[in-house]
């Protein structure tokens, strides 16, 4: 399942529309739709809000258990995600 599919399924489970989500993040509804369709990736702040709103673990969304090699860029992202997880404990 893709990132966008996971987000869409969680949003639908909470009976929220794309417009509702876009307002809560906040961002443009059109751009939010692109995230769910896997046309655009959320930035770290958008990802943080999506996780907060939908009560999702970022590790689930990003399939972090599947990676064996971690690039410098990925390591920075993982550090940002670690901070996000710590904030939710």
N, C-alpha and C. Protein backbone atom coordinates (compact mmCIF):
# COMPACT_ATOMS: atom_id res chain seq x y z
N UNK A 1 0.85 -1.17 0.00
CA UNK A 1 0.00 0.00 0.00
C UNK A 1 0.90 1.25 0.00
N UNK A 2 0.55 2.23 -0.79
CA UNK A 2 1.35 3.45 -0.90
C UNK A 2 1.06 4.42 0.24
N UNK A 3 1.92 5.42 0.38
CA UNK A 3 1.73 6.46 1.38
C UNK A 3 0.36 7.12 1.21
N UNK A 4 0.04 7.49 -0.01
CA UNK A 4 -1.24 8.15 -0.28
C UNK A 4 -2.43 7.28 0.06
N UNK A 5 -2.34 5.99 -0.24
CA UNK A 5 -3.44 5.06 0.07
C UNK A 5 -3.62 4.92 1.58
N UNK A 6 -2.53 4.87 2.30
CA UNK A 6 -2.61 4.75 3.76
C UNK A 6 -3.27 6.00 4.36
N UNK A 7 -2.87 7.16 3.86
CA UNK A 7 -3.45 8.41 4.35
C UNK A 7 -4.93 8.48 4.00
N UNK A 8 -5.27 8.16 2.75
CA UNK A 8 -6.67 8.21 2.32
C UNK A 8 -7.53 7.26 3.16
N UNK A 9 -7.06 6.03 3.37
CA UNK A 9 -7.83 5.06 4.15
C UNK A 9 -8.06 5.55 5.57
N UNK A 10 -7.02 6.10 6.19
CA UNK A 10 -7.16 6.61 7.56
C UNK A 10 -8.11 7.80 7.60
N UNK A 11 -8.02 8.68 6.61
CA UNK A 11 -8.92 9.84 6.55
C UNK A 11 -10.37 9.38 6.41
N UNK A 12 -10.60 8.44 5.51
CA UNK A 12 -11.95 7.94 5.30
C UNK A 12 -12.48 7.22 6.55
N UNK A 13 -11.61 6.51 7.26
CA UNK A 13 -12.01 5.84 8.50
C UNK A 13 -12.47 6.84 9.55
N UNK A 14 -11.93 8.05 9.48
CA UNK A 14 -12.31 9.10 10.44
C UNK A 14 -13.45 9.99 9.89
N UNK A 15 -13.99 9.61 8.74
CA UNK A 15 -15.09 10.37 8.11
C UNK A 15 -14.74 11.83 7.87
N UNK A 16 -13.51 12.06 7.43
CA UNK A 16 -13.08 13.41 7.07
C UNK A 16 -12.99 13.53 5.55
N UNK A 17 -13.36 14.68 5.03
CA UNK A 17 -13.21 14.92 3.60
C UNK A 17 -11.80 15.44 3.32
N UNK A 18 -11.43 15.46 2.05
CA UNK A 18 -10.14 16.06 1.70
C UNK A 18 -10.10 17.53 2.07
N UNK A 19 -11.23 18.20 1.91
CA UNK A 19 -11.31 19.62 2.27
C UNK A 19 -11.09 19.80 3.77
N UNK A 20 -11.70 18.92 4.58
CA UNK A 20 -11.49 18.98 6.04
C UNK A 20 -10.02 18.84 6.37
N UNK A 21 -9.37 17.83 5.78
CA UNK A 21 -7.96 17.58 6.04
C UNK A 21 -7.10 18.78 5.63
N UNK A 22 -7.37 19.30 4.45
CA UNK A 22 -6.58 20.43 3.95
C UNK A 22 -6.68 21.63 4.90
N UNK A 23 -7.87 21.87 5.44
CA UNK A 23 -8.04 22.99 6.38
C UNK A 23 -7.30 22.73 7.68
N UNK A 24 -7.29 21.48 8.15
CA UNK A 24 -6.64 21.15 9.42
C UNK A 24 -5.12 21.18 9.33
N UNK A 25 -4.56 20.94 8.13
CA UNK A 25 -3.10 20.81 8.02
C UNK A 25 -2.37 22.14 8.26
N UNK A 26 -2.61 23.27 7.78
CA UNK A 26 -3.42 23.75 6.68
C UNK A 26 -2.64 23.72 5.36
N UNK A 27 -3.39 23.46 4.29
CA UNK A 27 -2.83 23.51 2.95
C UNK A 27 -3.98 23.56 1.96
N UNK A 28 -3.65 23.78 0.71
CA UNK A 28 -4.62 23.83 -0.36
C UNK A 28 -5.19 22.43 -0.60
N UNK A 29 -6.50 22.31 -0.79
CA UNK A 29 -7.15 21.02 -0.99
C UNK A 29 -6.61 20.32 -2.23
N UNK A 30 -6.33 21.06 -3.26
CA UNK A 30 -5.80 20.48 -4.49
C UNK A 30 -4.45 19.80 -4.24
N UNK A 31 -3.59 20.46 -3.47
CA UNK A 31 -2.29 19.86 -3.15
C UNK A 31 -2.43 18.67 -2.22
N UNK A 32 -3.39 18.74 -1.29
CA UNK A 32 -3.63 17.59 -0.41
C UNK A 32 -4.06 16.39 -1.24
N UNK A 33 -4.92 16.62 -2.22
CA UNK A 33 -5.37 15.55 -3.11
C UNK A 33 -4.19 14.89 -3.82
N UNK A 34 -3.20 15.69 -4.20
CA UNK A 34 -2.01 15.16 -4.87
C UNK A 34 -1.24 14.21 -3.96
N UNK A 35 -1.23 14.48 -2.65
CA UNK A 35 -0.57 13.59 -1.69
C UNK A 35 -1.28 12.24 -1.69
N UNK A 36 -2.60 12.25 -1.62
CA UNK A 36 -3.36 10.99 -1.60
C UNK A 36 -3.23 10.22 -2.91
N UNK A 37 -3.00 10.95 -4.01
CA UNK A 37 -2.85 10.28 -5.31
C UNK A 37 -1.40 9.95 -5.62
N UNK A 38 -0.50 10.20 -4.67
CA UNK A 38 0.93 9.93 -4.83
C UNK A 38 1.57 10.72 -5.96
N UNK A 39 1.04 11.90 -6.22
CA UNK A 39 1.61 12.80 -7.22
C UNK A 39 2.62 13.72 -6.55
N UNK A 40 2.39 14.01 -5.27
CA UNK A 40 3.23 14.93 -4.51
C UNK A 40 3.46 14.32 -3.13
N UNK A 41 4.68 14.44 -2.60
CA UNK A 41 4.96 13.96 -1.25
C UNK A 41 4.77 15.11 -0.26
N UNK A 42 4.28 14.81 0.94
CA UNK A 42 4.15 15.88 1.92
C UNK A 42 5.52 16.29 2.44
N UNK A 43 5.65 17.57 2.78
CA UNK A 43 6.89 17.98 3.44
C UNK A 43 6.82 17.53 4.91
N UNK A 44 7.87 17.73 5.66
CA UNK A 44 7.93 17.20 7.03
C UNK A 44 6.84 17.81 7.91
N UNK A 45 6.55 19.09 7.74
CA UNK A 45 5.50 19.72 8.55
C UNK A 45 4.12 19.17 8.19
N UNK A 46 3.88 18.99 6.89
CA UNK A 46 2.60 18.41 6.47
C UNK A 46 2.47 16.98 6.97
N UNK A 47 3.55 16.21 6.88
CA UNK A 47 3.54 14.83 7.37
C UNK A 47 3.23 14.81 8.87
N UNK A 48 3.85 15.72 9.60
CA UNK A 48 3.62 15.81 11.04
C UNK A 48 2.14 16.06 11.34
N UNK A 49 1.55 17.02 10.65
CA UNK A 49 0.13 17.33 10.87
C UNK A 49 -0.77 16.17 10.46
N UNK A 50 -0.47 15.53 9.35
CA UNK A 50 -1.26 14.38 8.92
C UNK A 50 -1.23 13.29 9.99
N UNK A 51 -0.05 13.01 10.53
CA UNK A 51 0.08 12.00 11.58
C UNK A 51 -0.70 12.40 12.83
N UNK A 52 -0.64 13.67 13.20
CA UNK A 52 -1.36 14.15 14.38
C UNK A 52 -2.87 14.04 14.18
N UNK A 53 -3.34 14.51 13.05
CA UNK A 53 -4.78 14.54 12.77
C UNK A 53 -5.35 13.12 12.69
N UNK A 54 -4.66 12.26 11.96
CA UNK A 54 -5.16 10.91 11.72
C UNK A 54 -4.67 9.90 12.75
N UNK A 55 -3.85 10.38 13.70
CA UNK A 55 -3.32 9.52 14.76
C UNK A 55 -2.57 8.31 14.18
N UNK A 56 -1.67 8.63 13.24
CA UNK A 56 -0.88 7.60 12.55
C UNK A 56 0.58 7.68 12.98
N UNK A 57 1.22 6.55 13.05
CA UNK A 57 2.64 6.47 13.33
C UNK A 57 3.39 6.73 12.02
N UNK A 58 4.30 7.71 11.99
CA UNK A 58 5.02 7.99 10.74
C UNK A 58 5.81 6.80 10.23
N UNK A 59 6.24 5.92 11.13
CA UNK A 59 6.97 4.72 10.70
C UNK A 59 6.08 3.84 9.83
N UNK A 60 4.78 3.78 10.15
CA UNK A 60 3.83 3.02 9.34
C UNK A 60 3.68 3.66 7.97
N UNK A 61 3.50 4.97 7.95
CA UNK A 61 3.29 5.65 6.67
C UNK A 61 4.49 5.52 5.75
N UNK A 62 5.68 5.57 6.31
CA UNK A 62 6.89 5.60 5.49
C UNK A 62 7.55 4.24 5.29
N UNK A 63 6.94 3.17 5.81
CA UNK A 63 7.50 1.82 5.67
C UNK A 63 8.97 1.79 6.05
N UNK A 64 9.31 2.36 7.17
CA UNK A 64 10.71 2.49 7.55
C UNK A 64 11.39 1.15 7.80
N UNK A 65 10.63 0.13 8.12
CA UNK A 65 11.22 -1.18 8.36
C UNK A 65 11.74 -1.85 7.10
N UNK A 66 11.43 -1.33 5.93
CA UNK A 66 11.81 -1.96 4.67
C UNK A 66 13.16 -1.50 4.14
N UNK A 67 13.77 -0.50 4.75
CA UNK A 67 15.01 0.05 4.21
C UNK A 67 16.23 -0.56 4.88
N UNK A 68 17.20 -0.99 4.08
CA UNK A 68 18.44 -1.51 4.62
C UNK A 68 19.55 -0.47 4.52
N UNK A 69 19.58 0.30 3.45
CA UNK A 69 20.58 1.34 3.26
C UNK A 69 19.92 2.68 3.54
N UNK A 70 20.58 3.51 4.33
CA UNK A 70 20.02 4.81 4.66
C UNK A 70 20.99 5.89 4.19
N UNK A 71 20.52 6.71 3.26
CA UNK A 71 21.35 7.80 2.75
C UNK A 71 21.41 8.93 3.77
N UNK A 72 22.26 9.89 3.53
CA UNK A 72 22.38 11.05 4.42
C UNK A 72 21.07 11.81 4.49
N UNK A 73 20.43 11.98 3.34
CA UNK A 73 19.14 12.68 3.31
C UNK A 73 18.09 11.90 4.10
N UNK A 74 18.07 10.57 3.91
CA UNK A 74 17.11 9.74 4.64
C UNK A 74 17.39 9.78 6.14
N UNK A 75 18.67 9.80 6.51
CA UNK A 75 19.03 9.85 7.93
C UNK A 75 18.51 11.15 8.56
N UNK A 76 18.61 12.27 7.84
CA UNK A 76 18.07 13.54 8.34
C UNK A 76 16.57 13.44 8.51
N UNK A 77 15.88 12.87 7.52
CA UNK A 77 14.44 12.68 7.61
C UNK A 77 14.09 11.78 8.79
N UNK A 78 14.84 10.71 8.98
CA UNK A 78 14.59 9.81 10.12
C UNK A 78 14.77 10.53 11.45
N UNK A 79 15.76 11.39 11.54
CA UNK A 79 15.95 12.18 12.76
C UNK A 79 14.77 13.10 13.01
N UNK A 80 14.26 13.72 11.95
CA UNK A 80 13.08 14.58 12.08
C UNK A 80 11.88 13.75 12.52
N UNK A 81 11.73 12.57 11.96
CA UNK A 81 10.62 11.69 12.32
C UNK A 81 10.76 11.21 13.76
N UNK A 82 11.98 10.92 14.18
CA UNK A 82 12.22 10.50 15.56
C UNK A 82 11.75 11.58 16.53
N UNK A 83 12.06 12.84 16.21
CA UNK A 83 11.60 13.95 17.05
C UNK A 83 10.08 14.00 17.09
N UNK A 84 9.45 13.78 15.94
CA UNK A 84 7.99 13.77 15.86
C UNK A 84 7.40 12.67 16.73
N UNK A 85 8.00 11.49 16.68
CA UNK A 85 7.51 10.36 17.49
C UNK A 85 7.67 10.67 18.97
N UNK A 86 8.79 11.26 19.35
CA UNK A 86 9.04 11.60 20.75
C UNK A 86 8.00 12.61 21.25
N UNK A 87 7.57 13.52 20.40
CA UNK A 87 6.57 14.51 20.78
C UNK A 87 5.22 13.86 21.08
N UNK A 88 4.96 12.69 20.52
CA UNK A 88 3.67 12.02 20.66
C UNK A 88 3.63 10.99 21.80
N UNK A 89 4.72 10.86 22.51
CA UNK A 89 4.75 9.90 23.61
C UNK A 89 4.14 10.47 24.86
